[in-house]
């Protein structure tokens, strides 16, 4: 049974050679510590800016819905036309 022993010794040596993957990301911003808080510096948004963003998002959504509706209306009319003629 030398193959069994050689497999075990091979696994053991590979395990000892392998890189320690738990230490790779310890120096990143969040870290692994439970007490560490990520450091973010978000600017304070003014109500006027938030209102502008909200109105722009609504306008973009309405425009997108109009384009989708027009596309499907045209597609539906083409399908109906090809079915009857």
N, C-alpha and C. Protein backbone atom coordinates (compact mmCIF):
# COMPACT_ATOMS: atom_id res chain seq x y z
N UNK A 1 0.79 -1.19 0.00
CA UNK A 1 0.00 0.00 0.00
C UNK A 1 0.85 1.27 0.00
N UNK A 2 1.87 1.31 -0.79
CA UNK A 2 2.68 2.51 -0.83
C UNK A 2 1.95 3.69 -1.48
N UNK A 3 1.00 3.38 -2.35
CA UNK A 3 0.30 4.49 -3.02
C UNK A 3 -0.53 5.28 -2.02
N UNK A 4 -1.14 4.61 -1.05
CA UNK A 4 -1.93 5.31 -0.05
C UNK A 4 -1.07 6.22 0.81
N UNK A 5 0.08 5.72 1.21
CA UNK A 5 0.98 6.54 2.03
C UNK A 5 1.55 7.69 1.22
N UNK A 6 1.84 7.43 -0.04
CA UNK A 6 2.41 8.51 -0.86
C UNK A 6 1.35 9.59 -1.11
N UNK A 7 0.10 9.17 -1.25
CA UNK A 7 -0.96 10.18 -1.44
C UNK A 7 -1.11 11.03 -0.19
N UNK A 8 -1.08 10.40 0.98
CA UNK A 8 -1.22 11.15 2.22
C UNK A 8 -0.04 12.10 2.43
N UNK A 9 1.14 11.63 2.15
CA UNK A 9 2.31 12.50 2.32
C UNK A 9 2.28 13.64 1.30
N UNK A 10 1.79 13.36 0.10
CA UNK A 10 1.67 14.40 -0.91
C UNK A 10 0.67 15.47 -0.48
N UNK A 11 -0.47 15.04 0.04
CA UNK A 11 -1.47 15.99 0.53
C UNK A 11 -0.92 16.83 1.68
N UNK A 12 -0.21 16.20 2.58
CA UNK A 12 0.35 16.89 3.73
C UNK A 12 1.37 17.93 3.30
N UNK A 13 2.22 17.57 2.34
CA UNK A 13 3.23 18.53 1.89
C UNK A 13 2.59 19.67 1.10
N UNK A 14 1.57 19.36 0.31
CA UNK A 14 0.88 20.42 -0.42
C UNK A 14 0.19 21.39 0.53
N UNK A 15 -0.37 20.86 1.61
CA UNK A 15 -1.04 21.70 2.58
C UNK A 15 -0.05 22.63 3.27
N UNK A 16 1.13 22.15 3.55
CA UNK A 16 2.13 22.98 4.22
C UNK A 16 2.70 24.03 3.27
N UNK A 17 2.73 23.75 2.00
CA UNK A 17 3.26 24.69 1.02
C UNK A 17 2.24 25.76 0.64
N UNK A 18 0.96 25.43 0.73
CA UNK A 18 -0.10 26.33 0.26
C UNK A 18 -0.04 27.68 0.96
N UNK A 19 -0.47 28.71 0.24
CA UNK A 19 -0.49 30.06 0.79
C UNK A 19 -1.58 30.19 1.84
N UNK A 20 -1.32 31.04 2.82
CA UNK A 20 -2.34 31.29 3.85
C UNK A 20 -3.31 32.32 3.29
N UNK A 21 -4.48 31.87 2.90
CA UNK A 21 -5.44 32.75 2.24
C UNK A 21 -6.22 33.63 3.21
N UNK A 22 -6.14 33.35 4.48
CA UNK A 22 -6.89 34.16 5.44
C UNK A 22 -6.23 35.52 5.66
N UNK A 23 -4.96 35.66 5.34
CA UNK A 23 -4.26 36.92 5.58
C UNK A 23 -4.20 37.81 4.34
N UNK A 24 -4.79 37.39 3.27
CA UNK A 24 -4.67 38.16 2.04
C UNK A 24 -5.37 39.51 2.11
N UNK A 25 -6.54 39.56 2.69
CA UNK A 25 -7.35 40.77 2.64
C UNK A 25 -7.46 41.48 3.98
N UNK A 26 -6.58 41.23 4.90
CA UNK A 26 -6.68 41.85 6.21
C UNK A 26 -6.38 43.33 6.18
N UNK A 27 -5.64 43.80 5.21
CA UNK A 27 -5.30 45.21 5.16
C UNK A 27 -6.27 46.02 4.31
N UNK A 28 -7.36 45.43 3.90
CA UNK A 28 -8.34 46.18 3.12
C UNK A 28 -9.11 47.11 4.04
N UNK A 29 -9.97 47.93 3.46
CA UNK A 29 -10.63 49.00 4.19
C UNK A 29 -11.50 48.48 5.33
N UNK A 30 -12.30 47.46 5.10
CA UNK A 30 -13.20 46.98 6.14
C UNK A 30 -12.51 46.07 7.11
N UNK A 31 -11.61 45.25 6.62
CA UNK A 31 -10.91 44.31 7.47
C UNK A 31 -11.84 43.23 7.99
N UNK A 32 -11.35 42.45 8.89
CA UNK A 32 -12.12 41.38 9.47
C UNK A 32 -12.58 41.69 10.89
N UNK A 33 -12.10 42.75 11.46
CA UNK A 33 -12.44 43.05 12.84
C UNK A 33 -13.90 43.45 12.98
N UNK A 34 -14.53 43.03 14.07
CA UNK A 34 -15.93 43.37 14.30
C UNK A 34 -16.08 44.83 14.69
N UNK A 35 -15.07 45.40 15.27
CA UNK A 35 -15.16 46.77 15.75
C UNK A 35 -14.81 47.79 14.68
N UNK A 36 -14.21 47.36 13.61
CA UNK A 36 -13.81 48.31 12.57
C UNK A 36 -15.00 48.74 11.75
N UNK A 37 -15.08 50.03 11.52
CA UNK A 37 -16.17 50.61 10.74
C UNK A 37 -15.56 51.13 9.44
N UNK A 38 -16.17 50.83 8.30
CA UNK A 38 -15.63 51.37 7.04
C UNK A 38 -15.69 52.90 7.06
N UNK A 39 -14.68 53.50 6.51
CA UNK A 39 -14.60 54.95 6.51
C UNK A 39 -15.08 55.49 5.18
N UNK A 40 -16.26 56.09 5.20
CA UNK A 40 -16.82 56.71 4.01
C UNK A 40 -16.99 58.20 4.29
N UNK A 41 -16.78 58.99 3.26
CA UNK A 41 -16.95 60.43 3.41
C UNK A 41 -17.92 60.90 2.34
N UNK A 42 -19.21 60.68 2.59
CA UNK A 42 -20.23 61.09 1.64
C UNK A 42 -20.56 62.55 1.84
N UNK A 43 -20.70 63.30 0.75
CA UNK A 43 -21.10 64.70 0.90
C UNK A 43 -22.58 64.78 1.26
N UNK A 44 -22.95 65.82 1.97
CA UNK A 44 -24.35 66.03 2.34
C UNK A 44 -25.09 66.59 1.13
N UNK A 45 -26.21 65.97 0.78
CA UNK A 45 -27.00 66.41 -0.37
C UNK A 45 -28.04 67.42 0.09
N UNK A 46 -28.17 68.48 -0.68
CA UNK A 46 -29.16 69.51 -0.38
C UNK A 46 -30.52 69.04 -0.90
N UNK A 47 -31.60 69.49 -0.28
CA UNK A 47 -32.94 69.08 -0.73
C UNK A 47 -33.22 69.47 -2.19
N UNK A 48 -32.68 70.60 -2.63
CA UNK A 48 -32.90 71.01 -4.02
C UNK A 48 -32.27 70.02 -4.99
N UNK A 49 -31.07 69.57 -4.65
CA UNK A 49 -30.37 68.60 -5.51
C UNK A 49 -31.12 67.28 -5.54
N UNK A 50 -31.63 66.85 -4.40
CA UNK A 50 -32.40 65.61 -4.36
C UNK A 50 -33.68 65.73 -5.18
N UNK A 51 -34.30 66.89 -5.13
CA UNK A 51 -35.52 67.11 -5.93
C UNK A 51 -35.20 67.07 -7.42
N UNK A 52 -34.09 67.67 -7.82
CA UNK A 52 -33.69 67.64 -9.23
C UNK A 52 -33.42 66.21 -9.68
N UNK A 53 -32.76 65.43 -8.85
CA UNK A 53 -32.46 64.05 -9.19
C UNK A 53 -33.75 63.26 -9.33
N UNK A 54 -34.70 63.49 -8.41
CA UNK A 54 -35.98 62.78 -8.46
C UNK A 54 -36.75 63.12 -9.72
N UNK A 55 -36.81 64.41 -10.08
CA UNK A 55 -37.53 64.83 -11.29
C UNK A 55 -36.88 64.28 -12.55
N UNK A 56 -35.56 64.26 -12.58
CA UNK A 56 -34.85 63.72 -13.74
C UNK A 56 -35.11 62.22 -13.88
N UNK A 57 -35.12 61.51 -12.76
CA UNK A 57 -35.39 60.07 -12.80
C UNK A 57 -36.81 59.81 -13.29
N UNK A 58 -37.77 60.60 -12.83
CA UNK A 58 -39.15 60.45 -13.30
C UNK A 58 -39.26 60.72 -14.80
N UNK A 59 -38.59 61.77 -15.26
CA UNK A 59 -38.63 62.14 -16.67
C UNK A 59 -38.02 61.03 -17.53
N UNK A 60 -36.88 60.49 -17.09
CA UNK A 60 -36.24 59.40 -17.83
C UNK A 60 -37.13 58.16 -17.86
N UNK A 61 -37.79 57.86 -16.74
CA UNK A 61 -38.67 56.69 -16.67
C UNK A 61 -39.85 56.85 -17.63
N UNK A 62 -40.46 58.04 -17.65
CA UNK A 62 -41.60 58.28 -18.56
C UNK A 62 -41.16 58.17 -20.02
N UNK A 63 -39.98 58.70 -20.33
CA UNK A 63 -39.48 58.63 -21.71
C UNK A 63 -39.22 57.18 -22.11
N UNK A 64 -38.64 56.41 -21.22
CA UNK A 64 -38.35 55.01 -21.50
C UNK A 64 -39.65 54.23 -21.71
N UNK A 65 -40.65 54.48 -20.87
CA UNK A 65 -41.94 53.80 -21.00
C UNK A 65 -42.61 54.17 -22.33
N UNK A 66 -42.51 55.41 -22.74
CA UNK A 66 -43.08 55.84 -24.02
C UNK A 66 -42.40 55.12 -25.18
N UNK A 67 -41.08 55.02 -25.14
CA UNK A 67 -40.35 54.33 -26.20
C UNK A 67 -40.71 52.84 -26.25
N UNK A 68 -40.81 52.20 -25.10
CA UNK A 68 -41.19 50.79 -25.07
C UNK A 68 -42.60 50.58 -25.60
N UNK A 69 -43.51 51.46 -25.21
CA UNK A 69 -44.90 51.34 -25.68
C UNK A 69 -44.98 51.51 -27.19
N UNK A 70 -44.27 52.51 -27.72
CA UNK A 70 -44.27 52.74 -29.16
C UNK A 70 -43.66 51.54 -29.89
N UNK A 71 -42.58 51.00 -29.38
CA UNK A 71 -41.93 49.86 -30.02
C UNK A 71 -42.87 48.66 -30.07
N UNK A 72 -43.51 48.35 -28.95
CA UNK A 72 -44.39 47.19 -28.93
C UNK A 72 -45.66 47.41 -29.74
N UNK A 73 -46.14 48.65 -29.83
CA UNK A 73 -47.30 48.95 -30.67
C UNK A 73 -46.95 48.74 -32.14
N UNK A 74 -45.79 49.21 -32.55
CA UNK A 74 -45.36 49.01 -33.93
C UNK A 74 -45.13 47.53 -34.21
N UNK A 75 -44.48 46.85 -33.30
CA UNK A 75 -44.24 45.42 -33.47
C UNK A 75 -45.55 44.64 -33.56
N UNK A 76 -46.50 44.97 -32.70
CA UNK A 76 -47.79 44.29 -32.70
C UNK A 76 -48.53 44.55 -34.01
N UNK A 77 -48.50 45.78 -34.51
CA UNK A 77 -49.19 46.09 -35.76
C UNK A 77 -48.53 45.38 -36.95
N UNK A 78 -47.22 45.23 -36.94
CA UNK A 78 -46.53 44.50 -38.01
C UNK A 78 -46.92 43.03 -37.97
N UNK A 79 -47.00 42.46 -36.78
CA UNK A 79 -47.38 41.05 -36.65
C UNK A 79 -48.81 40.85 -37.13
N UNK A 80 -49.73 41.73 -36.75
CA UNK A 80 -51.12 41.63 -37.19
C UNK A 80 -51.20 41.77 -38.70
N UNK A 81 -50.45 42.71 -39.25
CA UNK A 81 -50.46 42.93 -40.71
C UNK A 81 -49.96 41.67 -41.44
N UNK A 82 -48.90 41.04 -40.96
CA UNK A 82 -48.37 39.86 -41.63
C UNK A 82 -49.30 38.66 -41.48
N UNK A 83 -50.04 38.58 -40.40
CA UNK A 83 -50.95 37.46 -40.20
C UNK A 83 -52.14 37.55 -41.15
N UNK A 84 -52.71 38.73 -41.34
CA UNK A 84 -53.90 38.89 -42.17
C UNK A 84 -53.58 39.05 -43.66
N UNK A 85 -52.39 39.45 -44.01
CA UNK A 85 -52.09 39.66 -45.46
C UNK A 85 -50.97 38.80 -45.84
